[in-house]
Amino acid sequence: MRHILTCLFLSIALITPIAGAQQTNTSTQSNAASAQTGDSEQILFGDENQPGRSIHLEIVALINNGVALNDAVSQTIAKVTREEDTLISGTARLIVGLNKGISVNFMRNMVNSNKLSDTTKGSIETFPGDAANVVQLAVTLYPNFAQEVIDSAITTGEIEPNDALLAAIAAGADPTSVSSATAAGGDVAVAGTPAGTGVGAGGAGGGDTTASTN
């Protein structure tokens, strides 16, 4: 009997450290995975309050699952513009859906560069006639960075400073916190937003008010 008890005691003594080591290893792996996920989210432009960042994360998740970039962007834009989808607000969903071609181009640029300034300029250079709509989209997706959008848009030479400012304000930018002075080199008077200017009108840029079928 004493021999049996001794064997049991030794078995328990050997099993306990192994179980503890396995638990520690599992915990370490879990913490490492969490840290990796956190790092991945941290390096994306913006913060959790920016609709564009939420879309960016969705695209990256698809790419990590083996979906090609262009397909990942197109699928995500199609998803977030559905009425029942809640990833972004209704207003942002409407702006993104008004011209899906511009939205797809913008988010593809964003995934490639992860820089709002380069993304804004790249989309305006691709759609120079829709520069105001690009500004409106960019400010809608990254509202806390409206001034960066305005400055970047003006440097392309495809939109007048006052038009860029009005497009940003139409997208919800605070008129007291943005201006066209930085990029234009001087203060630019901001006229009152014309009646009817707003979603789809591209600020004062005269954009098409109809939704794109792209």
N, C-alpha and C. Protein backbone atom coordinates (compact mmCIF):
# COMPACT_ATOMS: atom_id res chain seq x y z
N MET A 1 0.84 -1.20 0.00
CA MET A 1 0.00 0.00 0.00
C MET A 1 0.88 1.25 0.00
N ARG A 2 1.91 1.20 0.84
CA ARG A 2 2.81 2.35 0.93
C ARG A 2 3.50 2.58 -0.42
N HIS A 3 3.81 1.49 -1.11
CA HIS A 3 4.48 1.61 -2.42
C HIS A 3 3.55 2.28 -3.44
N ILE A 4 2.28 1.90 -3.40
CA ILE A 4 1.31 2.49 -4.32
C ILE A 4 1.15 3.98 -4.07
N LEU A 5 1.05 4.37 -2.79
CA LEU A 5 0.91 5.79 -2.45
C LEU A 5 2.13 6.58 -2.89
N THR A 6 3.29 5.97 -2.74
CA THR A 6 4.53 6.65 -3.15
C THR A 6 4.53 6.90 -4.66
N CYS A 7 4.10 5.89 -5.41
CA CYS A 7 4.03 6.04 -6.88
C CYS A 7 3.06 7.13 -7.29
N LEU A 8 1.89 7.18 -6.61
CA LEU A 8 0.90 8.21 -6.92
C LEU A 8 1.45 9.60 -6.64
N PHE A 9 2.15 9.72 -5.51
CA PHE A 9 2.71 11.02 -5.13
C PHE A 9 3.72 11.49 -6.17
N LEU A 10 4.58 10.54 -6.63
CA LEU A 10 5.59 10.90 -7.63
C LEU A 10 4.95 11.27 -8.97
N SER A 11 3.87 10.57 -9.32
CA SER A 11 3.17 10.87 -10.58
C SER A 11 2.58 12.26 -10.57
N ILE A 12 1.94 12.60 -9.42
CA ILE A 12 1.34 13.94 -9.28
C ILE A 12 2.41 15.01 -9.34
N ALA A 13 3.54 14.73 -8.70
CA ALA A 13 4.63 15.70 -8.67
C ALA A 13 5.19 15.95 -10.07
N LEU A 14 5.20 14.91 -10.92
CA LEU A 14 5.70 15.07 -12.29
C LEU A 14 4.69 15.74 -13.20
N ILE A 15 3.41 15.42 -13.03
CA ILE A 15 2.36 15.95 -13.91
C ILE A 15 2.13 17.43 -13.68
N THR A 16 2.16 17.88 -12.43
CA THR A 16 1.86 19.28 -12.09
C THR A 16 2.76 20.27 -12.82
N PRO A 17 4.10 20.11 -12.81
CA PRO A 17 4.94 21.07 -13.56
C PRO A 17 4.68 21.06 -15.05
N ILE A 18 4.40 19.84 -15.61
CA ILE A 18 4.14 19.76 -17.05
C ILE A 18 2.87 20.51 -17.42
N ALA A 19 1.82 20.30 -16.61
CA ALA A 19 0.54 20.99 -16.86
C ALA A 19 0.72 22.49 -16.73
N GLY A 20 1.51 22.89 -15.72
CA GLY A 20 1.75 24.31 -15.53
C GLY A 20 2.50 24.91 -16.70
N ALA A 21 3.47 24.14 -17.20
CA ALA A 21 4.25 24.63 -18.34
C ALA A 21 3.38 24.75 -19.57
N GLN A 22 2.50 23.75 -19.78
CA GLN A 22 1.61 23.80 -20.93
C GLN A 22 0.67 24.99 -20.84
N GLN A 23 0.16 25.24 -19.62
CA GLN A 23 -0.76 26.37 -19.44
C GLN A 23 -0.04 27.69 -19.69
N THR A 24 1.21 27.78 -19.20
CA THR A 24 2.00 28.99 -19.40
C THR A 24 2.28 29.21 -20.87
N ASN A 25 2.61 28.10 -21.59
CA ASN A 25 2.89 28.19 -23.02
C ASN A 25 1.66 28.65 -23.80
N THR A 26 0.49 28.09 -23.43
CA THR A 26 -0.77 28.48 -24.09
C THR A 26 -1.07 29.94 -23.84
N SER A 27 -0.86 30.38 -22.60
CA SER A 27 -1.11 31.78 -22.25
C SER A 27 -0.18 32.70 -23.02
N THR A 28 1.10 32.28 -23.15
CA THR A 28 2.08 33.09 -23.86
C THR A 28 1.70 33.22 -25.33
N GLN A 29 1.27 32.08 -25.94
CA GLN A 29 0.87 32.11 -27.33
C GLN A 29 -0.34 33.00 -27.54
N SER A 30 -1.30 32.92 -26.59
CA SER A 30 -2.50 33.75 -26.68
C SER A 30 -2.16 35.22 -26.59
N ASN A 31 -1.26 35.56 -25.64
CA ASN A 31 -0.85 36.95 -25.49
C ASN A 31 -0.11 37.44 -26.72
N ALA A 32 0.70 36.56 -27.30
CA ALA A 32 1.45 36.94 -28.51
C ALA A 32 0.51 37.19 -29.66
N ALA A 33 -0.52 36.34 -29.79
CA ALA A 33 -1.50 36.51 -30.87
C ALA A 33 -2.27 37.80 -30.68
N SER A 34 -2.64 38.09 -29.43
CA SER A 34 -3.37 39.33 -29.15
C SER A 34 -2.50 40.54 -29.46
N ALA A 35 -1.23 40.45 -29.09
CA ALA A 35 -0.31 41.56 -29.34
C ALA A 35 -0.13 41.78 -30.83
N GLN A 36 -0.05 40.65 -31.59
CA GLN A 36 0.11 40.77 -33.04
C GLN A 36 -1.10 41.43 -33.67
N THR A 37 -2.30 41.04 -33.22
CA THR A 37 -3.53 41.64 -33.72
C THR A 37 -3.57 43.13 -33.38
N GLY A 38 -3.18 43.44 -32.14
CA GLY A 38 -3.18 44.84 -31.71
C GLY A 38 -2.21 45.67 -32.52
N ASP A 39 -1.02 45.10 -32.80
CA ASP A 39 -0.02 45.81 -33.59
C ASP A 39 -0.53 46.04 -35.00
N SER A 40 -1.23 45.04 -35.55
CA SER A 40 -1.75 45.16 -36.91
C SER A 40 -2.76 46.28 -37.00
N GLU A 41 -3.63 46.38 -35.99
CA GLU A 41 -4.63 47.43 -35.99
C GLU A 41 -4.00 48.80 -35.75
N GLN A 42 -2.94 48.81 -34.92
CA GLN A 42 -2.33 50.06 -34.53
C GLN A 42 -1.65 50.75 -35.70
N ILE A 43 -1.09 49.98 -36.65
CA ILE A 43 -0.32 50.60 -37.72
C ILE A 43 -1.21 51.17 -38.82
N LEU A 44 -2.50 50.85 -38.81
CA LEU A 44 -3.38 51.41 -39.82
C LEU A 44 -3.66 52.87 -39.52
N PHE A 45 -3.80 53.67 -40.57
CA PHE A 45 -4.00 55.10 -40.40
C PHE A 45 -5.31 55.37 -39.65
N GLY A 46 -5.27 56.38 -38.79
CA GLY A 46 -6.48 56.80 -38.08
C GLY A 46 -6.69 56.09 -36.76
N ASP A 47 -7.91 56.14 -36.28
CA ASP A 47 -8.28 55.49 -35.02
C ASP A 47 -9.65 54.86 -35.17
N GLU A 48 -10.14 54.29 -34.07
CA GLU A 48 -11.40 53.54 -34.15
C GLU A 48 -12.61 54.43 -34.45
N ASN A 49 -12.45 55.74 -34.35
CA ASN A 49 -13.56 56.65 -34.64
C ASN A 49 -13.65 57.04 -36.12
N GLN A 50 -12.70 56.58 -36.91
CA GLN A 50 -12.67 56.93 -38.33
C GLN A 50 -13.31 55.80 -39.14
N PRO A 51 -14.42 56.06 -39.83
CA PRO A 51 -15.07 55.03 -40.65
C PRO A 51 -14.10 54.39 -41.66
N GLY A 52 -13.21 55.19 -42.19
CA GLY A 52 -12.25 54.68 -43.17
C GLY A 52 -11.36 53.59 -42.59
N ARG A 53 -11.02 53.73 -41.33
CA ARG A 53 -10.16 52.73 -40.69
C ARG A 53 -10.91 51.42 -40.52
N SER A 54 -12.20 51.51 -40.21
CA SER A 54 -13.02 50.30 -40.07
C SER A 54 -13.08 49.55 -41.41
N ILE A 55 -13.25 50.30 -42.49
CA ILE A 55 -13.27 49.69 -43.82
C ILE A 55 -11.91 49.09 -44.15
N HIS A 56 -10.86 49.82 -43.81
CA HIS A 56 -9.48 49.37 -44.04
C HIS A 56 -9.25 48.03 -43.34
N LEU A 57 -9.69 47.91 -42.11
CA LEU A 57 -9.52 46.68 -41.34
C LEU A 57 -10.24 45.50 -42.01
N GLU A 58 -11.44 45.76 -42.52
CA GLU A 58 -12.20 44.72 -43.20
C GLU A 58 -11.46 44.23 -44.44
N ILE A 59 -10.90 45.17 -45.18
CA ILE A 59 -10.16 44.80 -46.39
C ILE A 59 -8.93 43.97 -46.04
N VAL A 60 -8.19 44.41 -45.03
CA VAL A 60 -6.99 43.69 -44.61
C VAL A 60 -7.33 42.27 -44.15
N ALA A 61 -8.46 42.12 -43.44
CA ALA A 61 -8.88 40.79 -42.98
C ALA A 61 -9.12 39.86 -44.16
N LEU A 62 -9.75 40.37 -45.21
CA LEU A 62 -9.98 39.55 -46.40
C LEU A 62 -8.66 39.18 -47.09
N ILE A 63 -7.76 40.15 -47.19
CA ILE A 63 -6.46 39.91 -47.81
C ILE A 63 -5.69 38.85 -47.02
N ASN A 64 -5.76 38.91 -45.70
CA ASN A 64 -5.08 37.93 -44.85
C ASN A 64 -5.67 36.53 -45.02
N ASN A 65 -6.91 36.47 -45.50
CA ASN A 65 -7.55 35.19 -45.75
C ASN A 65 -7.37 34.72 -47.19
N GLY A 66 -6.51 35.41 -47.93
CA GLY A 66 -6.16 34.96 -49.27
C GLY A 66 -6.90 35.63 -50.41
N VAL A 67 -7.71 36.64 -50.11
CA VAL A 67 -8.44 37.35 -51.16
C VAL A 67 -7.51 38.39 -51.81
N ALA A 68 -7.53 38.48 -53.12
CA ALA A 68 -6.70 39.46 -53.83
C ALA A 68 -7.13 40.88 -53.47
N LEU A 69 -6.20 41.82 -53.53
CA LEU A 69 -6.45 43.20 -53.12
C LEU A 69 -7.68 43.79 -53.80
N ASN A 70 -7.71 43.76 -55.12
CA ASN A 70 -8.84 44.38 -55.84
C ASN A 70 -10.17 43.75 -55.45
N ASP A 71 -10.18 42.43 -55.31
CA ASP A 71 -11.41 41.74 -54.92
C ASP A 71 -11.79 42.09 -53.48
N ALA A 72 -10.79 42.17 -52.62
CA ALA A 72 -11.05 42.49 -51.21
C ALA A 72 -11.67 43.88 -51.07
N VAL A 73 -11.14 44.83 -51.83
CA VAL A 73 -11.66 46.20 -51.78
C VAL A 73 -13.08 46.24 -52.32
N SER A 74 -13.30 45.63 -53.48
CA SER A 74 -14.62 45.65 -54.10
C SER A 74 -15.66 44.96 -53.22
N GLN A 75 -15.30 43.83 -52.66
CA GLN A 75 -16.23 43.09 -51.79
C GLN A 75 -16.58 43.90 -50.54
N THR A 76 -15.58 44.56 -49.98
CA THR A 76 -15.82 45.33 -48.75
C THR A 76 -16.69 46.54 -49.03
N ILE A 77 -16.42 47.24 -50.12
CA ILE A 77 -17.25 48.41 -50.46
C ILE A 77 -18.68 47.97 -50.72
N ALA A 78 -18.86 46.86 -51.42
CA ALA A 78 -20.20 46.34 -51.68
C ALA A 78 -20.91 46.00 -50.37
N LYS A 79 -20.16 45.44 -49.44
CA LYS A 79 -20.74 45.03 -48.15
C LYS A 79 -21.16 46.23 -47.31
N VAL A 80 -20.27 47.21 -47.15
CA VAL A 80 -20.56 48.32 -46.24
C VAL A 80 -21.61 49.28 -46.77
N THR A 81 -21.90 49.19 -48.07
CA THR A 81 -22.92 50.07 -48.64
C THR A 81 -24.31 49.44 -48.65
N ARG A 82 -24.41 48.22 -48.17
CA ARG A 82 -25.73 47.61 -48.04
C ARG A 82 -26.46 48.25 -46.86
N GLU A 83 -27.75 48.45 -47.04
CA GLU A 83 -28.54 49.15 -46.04
C GLU A 83 -28.52 48.46 -44.69
N GLU A 84 -28.45 47.13 -44.70
CA GLU A 84 -28.50 46.39 -43.44
C GLU A 84 -27.15 46.30 -42.73
N ASP A 85 -26.08 46.71 -43.42
CA ASP A 85 -24.75 46.64 -42.81
C ASP A 85 -24.56 47.78 -41.83
N THR A 86 -23.90 47.49 -40.70
CA THR A 86 -23.75 48.49 -39.64
C THR A 86 -22.30 48.84 -39.33
N LEU A 87 -21.39 48.46 -40.21
CA LEU A 87 -19.98 48.75 -39.94
C LEU A 87 -19.73 50.25 -39.86
N ILE A 88 -20.35 51.02 -40.76
CA ILE A 88 -20.21 52.47 -40.73
C ILE A 88 -21.60 53.10 -40.62
N SER A 89 -21.65 54.38 -40.30
CA SER A 89 -22.92 55.06 -40.11
C SER A 89 -23.69 55.19 -41.42
N GLY A 90 -24.97 55.51 -41.30
CA GLY A 90 -25.80 55.67 -42.49
C GLY A 90 -25.30 56.76 -43.41
N THR A 91 -24.84 57.88 -42.84
CA THR A 91 -24.33 58.98 -43.66
C THR A 91 -23.08 58.56 -44.43
N ALA A 92 -22.15 57.93 -43.72
CA ALA A 92 -20.93 57.47 -44.37
C ALA A 92 -21.25 56.42 -45.43
N ARG A 93 -22.20 55.55 -45.12
CA ARG A 93 -22.59 54.51 -46.08
C ARG A 93 -23.14 55.14 -47.37
N LEU A 94 -23.91 56.21 -47.21
CA LEU A 94 -24.48 56.89 -48.37
C LEU A 94 -23.40 57.53 -49.22
N ILE A 95 -22.46 58.21 -48.58
CA ILE A 95 -21.38 58.87 -49.32
C ILE A 95 -20.53 57.84 -50.05
N VAL A 96 -20.19 56.76 -49.38
CA VAL A 96 -19.37 55.72 -50.01
C VAL A 96 -20.10 55.10 -51.19
N GLY A 97 -21.41 54.96 -51.07
CA GLY A 97 -22.18 54.32 -52.12
C GLY A 97 -22.55 55.22 -53.28
N LEU A 98 -22.43 56.54 -53.11
CA LEU A 98 -22.81 57.47 -54.17
C LEU A 98 -21.97 57.29 -55.43
N ASN A 99 -20.71 56.99 -55.25
CA ASN A 99 -19.86 56.71 -56.40
C ASN A 99 -18.88 55.63 -56.00
N LYS A 100 -19.28 54.40 -56.22
CA LYS A 100 -18.47 53.27 -55.77
C LYS A 100 -17.14 53.19 -56.49
N GLY A 101 -17.09 53.70 -57.72
CA GLY A 101 -15.82 53.70 -58.44
C GLY A 101 -14.76 54.51 -57.71
N ILE A 102 -15.13 55.70 -57.27
CA ILE A 102 -14.21 56.55 -56.51
C ILE A 102 -13.89 55.92 -55.17
N SER A 103 -14.90 55.35 -54.52
CA SER A 103 -14.70 54.73 -53.20
C SER A 103 -13.74 53.55 -53.28
N VAL A 104 -13.91 52.72 -54.31
CA VAL A 104 -13.01 51.57 -54.49
C VAL A 104 -11.59 52.05 -54.74
N ASN A 105 -11.44 53.04 -55.61
CA ASN A 105 -10.11 53.58 -55.91
C ASN A 105 -9.47 54.18 -54.66
N PHE A 106 -10.25 54.93 -53.90
CA PHE A 106 -9.74 55.59 -52.70
C PHE A 106 -9.24 54.56 -51.68
N MET A 107 -10.05 53.53 -51.41
CA MET A 107 -9.65 52.56 -50.39
C MET A 107 -8.52 51.66 -50.89
N ARG A 108 -8.45 51.42 -52.20
CA ARG A 108 -7.32 50.66 -52.72
C ARG A 108 -6.03 51.46 -52.52
N ASN A 109 -6.10 52.77 -52.78
CA ASN A 109 -4.94 53.63 -52.53
C ASN A 109 -4.57 53.63 -51.05
N MET A 110 -5.59 53.62 -50.20
CA MET A 110 -5.34 53.67 -48.76
C MET A 110 -4.65 52.40 -48.27
N VAL A 111 -5.09 51.26 -48.78
CA VAL A 111 -4.46 50.00 -48.39
C VAL A 111 -3.02 49.96 -48.89
N ASN A 112 -2.79 50.48 -50.08
CA ASN A 112 -1.44 50.47 -50.65
C ASN A 112 -0.48 51.40 -49.94
N SER A 113 -0.96 52.60 -49.58
CA SER A 113 -0.05 53.61 -49.02
C SER A 113 -0.19 53.80 -47.51
N ASN A 114 -1.39 53.56 -46.98
CA ASN A 114 -1.68 53.80 -45.57
C ASN A 114 -1.41 55.26 -45.19
N LYS A 115 -1.52 56.15 -46.18
CA LYS A 115 -1.32 57.58 -45.94
C LYS A 115 -2.50 58.35 -46.54
N LEU A 116 -3.18 59.13 -45.73
CA LEU A 116 -4.36 59.84 -46.20
C LEU A 116 -4.00 60.87 -47.26
N SER A 117 -2.89 61.56 -47.10
CA SER A 117 -2.51 62.59 -48.06
C SER A 117 -2.24 61.99 -49.44
N ASP A 118 -1.47 60.89 -49.48
CA ASP A 118 -1.17 60.24 -50.75
C ASP A 118 -2.43 59.64 -51.37
N THR A 119 -3.28 59.10 -50.52
CA THR A 119 -4.53 58.49 -51.00
C THR A 119 -5.43 59.54 -51.64
N THR A 120 -5.58 60.68 -50.97
CA THR A 120 -6.42 61.75 -51.49
C THR A 120 -5.89 62.27 -52.83
N LYS A 121 -4.60 62.54 -52.88
CA LYS A 121 -4.00 63.04 -54.11
C LYS A 121 -4.11 62.02 -55.24
N GLY A 122 -3.88 60.75 -54.92
CA GLY A 122 -3.94 59.72 -55.94
C GLY A 122 -5.33 59.59 -56.55
N SER A 123 -6.36 59.66 -55.71
CA SER A 123 -7.73 59.54 -56.20
C SER A 123 -8.13 60.76 -57.02
N ILE A 124 -7.69 61.94 -56.60
CA ILE A 124 -8.01 63.15 -57.37
C ILE A 124 -7.30 63.12 -58.72
N GLU A 125 -6.08 62.62 -58.76
CA GLU A 125 -5.36 62.53 -60.03
C GLU A 125 -6.03 61.52 -60.96
N THR A 126 -6.68 60.50 -60.39
CA THR A 126 -7.39 59.52 -61.19
C THR A 126 -8.74 60.06 -61.66
N PHE A 127 -9.39 60.85 -60.79
CA PHE A 127 -10.70 61.42 -61.11
C PHE A 127 -10.66 62.95 -60.94
N PRO A 128 -9.89 63.64 -61.79
CA PRO A 128 -9.73 65.09 -61.62
C PRO A 128 -11.05 65.86 -61.71
N GLY A 129 -11.97 65.37 -62.50
CA GLY A 129 -13.26 66.05 -62.61
C GLY A 129 -14.15 65.86 -61.41
N ASP A 130 -13.79 64.92 -60.54
CA ASP A 130 -14.56 64.64 -59.33
C ASP A 130 -13.77 64.97 -58.08
N ALA A 131 -12.87 65.95 -58.17
CA ALA A 131 -12.01 66.29 -57.04
C ALA A 131 -12.81 66.64 -55.79
N ALA A 132 -13.89 67.41 -55.96
CA ALA A 132 -14.71 67.80 -54.80
C ALA A 132 -15.35 66.58 -54.16
N ASN A 133 -15.77 65.62 -54.99
CA ASN A 133 -16.37 64.41 -54.45
C ASN A 133 -15.34 63.56 -53.71
N VAL A 134 -14.10 63.56 -54.18
CA VAL A 134 -13.04 62.85 -53.49
C VAL A 134 -12.80 63.47 -52.12
N VAL A 135 -12.78 64.80 -52.07
CA VAL A 135 -12.60 65.50 -50.80
C VAL A 135 -13.73 65.15 -49.84
N GLN A 136 -14.94 65.17 -50.35
CA GLN A 136 -16.10 64.86 -49.50
C GLN A 136 -16.01 63.42 -48.97
N LEU A 137 -15.62 62.49 -49.83
CA LEU A 137 -15.47 61.11 -49.41
C LEU A 137 -14.38 60.97 -48.36
N ALA A 138 -13.23 61.59 -48.62
CA ALA A 138 -12.09 61.48 -47.70
C ALA A 138 -12.42 62.05 -46.32
N VAL A 139 -13.10 63.19 -46.29
CA VAL A 139 -13.46 63.80 -45.00
C VAL A 139 -14.52 62.97 -44.28
N THR A 140 -15.42 62.38 -45.05
CA THR A 140 -16.44 61.51 -44.45
C THR A 140 -15.80 60.29 -43.81
N LEU A 141 -14.81 59.73 -44.46
CA LEU A 141 -14.16 58.53 -43.94
C LEU A 141 -13.14 58.82 -42.84
N TYR A 142 -12.55 60.01 -42.89
CA TYR A 142 -11.54 60.39 -41.89
C TYR A 142 -11.85 61.80 -41.36
N PRO A 143 -12.97 61.97 -40.65
CA PRO A 143 -13.41 63.30 -40.22
C PRO A 143 -12.44 64.05 -39.33
N ASN A 144 -11.62 63.33 -38.58
CA ASN A 144 -10.67 64.00 -37.69
C ASN A 144 -9.45 64.54 -38.44
N PHE A 145 -9.38 64.27 -39.73
CA PHE A 145 -8.22 64.67 -40.52
C PHE A 145 -8.64 65.52 -41.72
N ALA A 146 -9.69 66.30 -41.53
CA ALA A 146 -10.24 67.11 -42.62
C ALA A 146 -9.22 68.09 -43.18
N GLN A 147 -8.43 68.69 -42.32
CA GLN A 147 -7.45 69.67 -42.80
C GLN A 147 -6.40 69.02 -43.68
N GLU A 148 -5.98 67.82 -43.32
CA GLU A 148 -5.01 67.10 -44.14
C GLU A 148 -5.58 66.80 -45.52
N VAL A 149 -6.86 66.47 -45.57
CA VAL A 149 -7.52 66.21 -46.85
C VAL A 149 -7.54 67.47 -47.71
N ILE A 150 -7.93 68.59 -47.10
CA ILE A 150 -8.00 69.86 -47.83
C ILE A 150 -6.63 70.23 -48.40
N ASP A 151 -5.61 70.16 -47.55
CA ASP A 151 -4.26 70.53 -47.98
C ASP A 151 -3.79 69.64 -49.14
N SER A 152 -4.05 68.35 -49.00
CA SER A 152 -3.61 67.41 -50.04
C SER A 152 -4.34 67.66 -51.35
N ALA A 153 -5.63 67.92 -51.26
CA ALA A 153 -6.43 68.15 -52.46
C ALA A 153 -5.95 69.39 -53.21
N ILE A 154 -5.67 70.46 -52.49
CA ILE A 154 -5.26 71.71 -53.12
C ILE A 154 -3.92 71.56 -53.83
N THR A 155 -3.02 70.75 -53.26
CA THR A 155 -1.69 70.60 -53.86
C THR A 155 -1.75 69.91 -55.23
N THR A 156 -2.86 69.24 -55.54
CA THR A 156 -2.96 68.58 -56.86
C THR A 156 -3.20 69.60 -57.97
N GLY A 157 -3.69 70.78 -57.62
CA GLY A 157 -4.00 71.79 -58.62
C GLY A 157 -5.29 71.51 -59.39
N GLU A 158 -6.01 70.47 -59.00
CA GLU A 158 -7.24 70.09 -59.69
C GLU A 158 -8.49 70.70 -59.05
N ILE A 159 -8.33 71.37 -57.93
CA ILE A 159 -9.48 71.96 -57.24
C ILE A 159 -9.05 73.27 -56.58
N GLU A 160 -9.91 74.27 -56.67
CA GLU A 160 -9.62 75.56 -56.06
C GLU A 160 -9.70 75.43 -54.54
N PRO A 161 -8.88 76.19 -53.82
CA PRO A 161 -8.88 76.11 -52.35
C PRO A 161 -10.27 76.30 -51.74
N ASN A 162 -11.00 77.27 -52.23
CA ASN A 162 -12.32 77.53 -51.67
C ASN A 162 -13.27 76.35 -51.92
N ASP A 163 -13.15 75.73 -53.09
CA ASP A 163 -14.00 74.58 -53.41
C ASP A 163 -13.65 73.38 -52.53
N ALA A 164 -12.35 73.19 -52.28
CA ALA A 164 -11.93 72.09 -51.42
C ALA A 164 -12.46 72.29 -50.00
N LEU A 165 -12.40 73.54 -49.55
CA LEU A 165 -12.89 73.86 -48.20
C LEU A 165 -14.39 73.63 -48.10
N LEU A 166 -15.12 74.08 -49.09
CA LEU A 166 -16.57 73.91 -49.08
C LEU A 166 -16.96 72.43 -49.14
N ALA A 167 -16.23 71.65 -49.92
CA ALA A 167 -16.52 70.21 -50.01
C ALA A 167 -16.30 69.54 -48.67
N ALA A 168 -15.24 69.97 -47.96
CA ALA A 168 -14.96 69.39 -46.65
C ALA A 168 -16.05 69.75 -45.64
N ILE A 169 -16.49 71.00 -45.69
CA ILE A 169 -17.55 71.45 -44.78
C ILE A 169 -18.85 70.74 -45.09
N ALA A 170 -19.13 70.52 -46.38
CA ALA A 170 -20.34 69.79 -46.77
C ALA A 170 -20.30 68.36 -46.24
N ALA A 171 -19.10 67.83 -46.04
CA ALA A 171 -18.94 66.47 -45.53
C ALA A 171 -18.99 66.42 -44.01
N GLY A 172 -19.12 67.60 -43.38
CA GLY A 172 -19.25 67.62 -41.93
C GLY A 172 -18.08 68.21 -41.17
N ALA A 173 -17.06 68.70 -41.87
CA ALA A 173 -15.92 69.30 -41.19
C ALA A 173 -16.36 70.57 -40.46
N ASP A 174 -15.82 70.82 -39.30
CA ASP A 174 -16.14 72.01 -38.52
C ASP A 174 -15.55 73.24 -39.20
N PRO A 175 -16.38 74.19 -39.64
CA PRO A 175 -15.86 75.38 -40.34
C PRO A 175 -14.87 76.19 -39.52
N THR A 176 -14.94 76.07 -38.19
CA THR A 176 -14.03 76.84 -37.34
C THR A 176 -12.67 76.17 -37.16
N SER A 177 -12.55 74.92 -37.62
CA SER A 177 -11.30 74.20 -37.40
C SER A 177 -10.55 73.88 -38.69
N VAL A 178 -11.11 74.26 -39.83
CA VAL A 178 -10.44 74.01 -41.11
C VAL A 178 -10.34 75.29 -41.92
N SER A 179 -9.36 75.33 -42.80
CA SER A 179 -9.21 76.47 -43.70
C SER A 179 -8.39 76.03 -44.90
N SER A 180 -8.32 76.90 -45.89
CA SER A 180 -7.50 76.61 -47.06
C SER A 180 -6.22 77.42 -47.04
N ALA A 181 -5.96 78.08 -45.92
CA ALA A 181 -4.80 78.98 -45.83
C ALA A 181 -3.48 78.24 -45.90
N THR A 182 -3.39 77.08 -45.27
CA THR A 182 -2.13 76.35 -45.20
C THR A 182 -1.59 76.01 -46.58
N ALA A 183 -2.45 75.44 -47.40
CA ALA A 183 -1.99 75.01 -48.73
C ALA A 183 -1.98 76.16 -49.73
N ALA A 184 -2.89 77.10 -49.57
CA ALA A 184 -3.00 78.18 -50.55
C ALA A 184 -2.04 79.32 -50.28
N GLY A 185 -1.51 79.38 -49.06
CA GLY A 185 -0.58 80.44 -48.73
C GLY A 185 -1.24 81.70 -48.25
N GLY A 186 -2.51 81.68 -47.97
CA GLY A 186 -3.21 82.85 -47.46
C GLY A 186 -4.63 82.50 -47.12
N ASP A 187 -5.30 83.39 -46.44
CA ASP A 187 -6.68 83.13 -46.06
C ASP A 187 -7.59 83.20 -47.28
N VAL A 188 -8.53 82.27 -47.33
CA VAL A 188 -9.50 82.25 -48.41
C VAL A 188 -10.88 82.40 -47.80
N ALA A 189 -11.63 83.38 -48.29
CA ALA A 189 -12.95 83.61 -47.75
C ALA A 189 -13.84 82.41 -48.05
N VAL A 190 -14.63 82.04 -47.05
CA VAL A 190 -15.54 80.90 -47.22
C VAL A 190 -16.95 81.43 -47.34
N ALA A 191 -17.53 81.25 -48.51
CA ALA A 191 -18.90 81.69 -48.71
C ALA A 191 -19.84 80.73 -48.04
N GLY A 192 -21.05 81.16 -47.76
CA GLY A 192 -22.02 80.28 -47.16
C GLY A 192 -22.34 79.13 -48.09
N THR A 193 -22.55 77.95 -47.51
CA THR A 193 -22.85 76.77 -48.32
C THR A 193 -24.16 76.97 -49.06
N PRO A 194 -24.16 76.87 -50.39
CA PRO A 194 -25.38 77.09 -51.17
C PRO A 194 -26.47 76.10 -50.80
N ALA A 195 -27.70 76.54 -50.92
CA ALA A 195 -28.82 75.65 -50.62
C ALA A 195 -28.77 74.46 -51.54
N GLY A 196 -28.97 73.29 -50.98
CA GLY A 196 -28.97 72.07 -51.78
C GLY A 196 -27.62 71.41 -51.84
N THR A 197 -26.55 72.12 -51.38
CA THR A 197 -25.24 71.51 -51.39
C THR A 197 -25.16 70.55 -50.23
N GLY A 198 -24.63 69.40 -50.47
CA GLY A 198 -24.53 68.41 -49.39
C GLY A 198 -24.18 67.07 -49.97
N VAL A 199 -24.79 66.03 -49.46
CA VAL A 199 -24.48 64.69 -49.89
C VAL A 199 -24.67 64.56 -51.40
N GLY A 200 -23.59 64.15 -52.07
CA GLY A 200 -23.66 63.90 -53.51
C GLY A 200 -23.43 65.12 -54.36
N ALA A 201 -23.46 66.32 -53.72
CA ALA A 201 -23.28 67.52 -54.53
C ALA A 201 -21.83 67.91 -54.64
N GLY A 202 -20.96 67.20 -53.89
CA GLY A 202 -19.54 67.49 -53.98
C GLY A 202 -19.23 68.89 -53.50
N GLY A 203 -19.86 69.33 -52.38
CA GLY A 203 -19.64 70.68 -51.89
C GLY A 203 -20.12 71.65 -52.93
N ALA A 204 -19.25 72.56 -53.32
CA ALA A 204 -19.61 73.52 -54.36
C ALA A 204 -18.98 73.12 -55.68
N GLY A 205 -18.52 71.85 -55.72
CA GLY A 205 -17.79 71.42 -56.91
C GLY A 205 -18.69 70.98 -58.03
N GLY A 206 -20.00 70.94 -57.80
CA GLY A 206 -20.90 70.60 -58.88
C GLY A 206 -20.92 69.15 -59.24
N GLY A 207 -20.64 68.25 -58.28
CA GLY A 207 -20.63 66.82 -58.57
C GLY A 207 -22.02 66.31 -58.87
N ASP A 208 -22.07 65.15 -59.48
CA ASP A 208 -23.34 64.54 -59.81
C ASP A 208 -24.05 64.12 -58.55
N THR A 209 -25.35 64.40 -58.46
CA THR A 209 -26.12 64.07 -57.27
C THR A 209 -26.73 62.69 -57.36
N THR A 210 -26.53 61.99 -58.44
CA THR A 210 -27.11 60.66 -58.58
C THR A 210 -26.12 59.60 -58.16
N ALA A 211 -26.65 58.52 -57.63
CA ALA A 211 -25.77 57.44 -57.18
C ALA A 211 -25.16 56.74 -58.38
N SER A 212 -23.90 56.34 -58.22
CA SER A 212 -23.23 55.64 -59.29
C SER A 212 -23.74 54.21 -59.38
N THR A 213 -23.72 53.69 -60.56
CA THR A 213 -24.11 52.29 -60.75
C THR A 213 -22.90 51.38 -60.81
N ASN A 214 -21.71 51.97 -60.54
CA ASN A 214 -20.48 51.15 -60.59
C ASN A 214 -20.51 50.12 -59.49
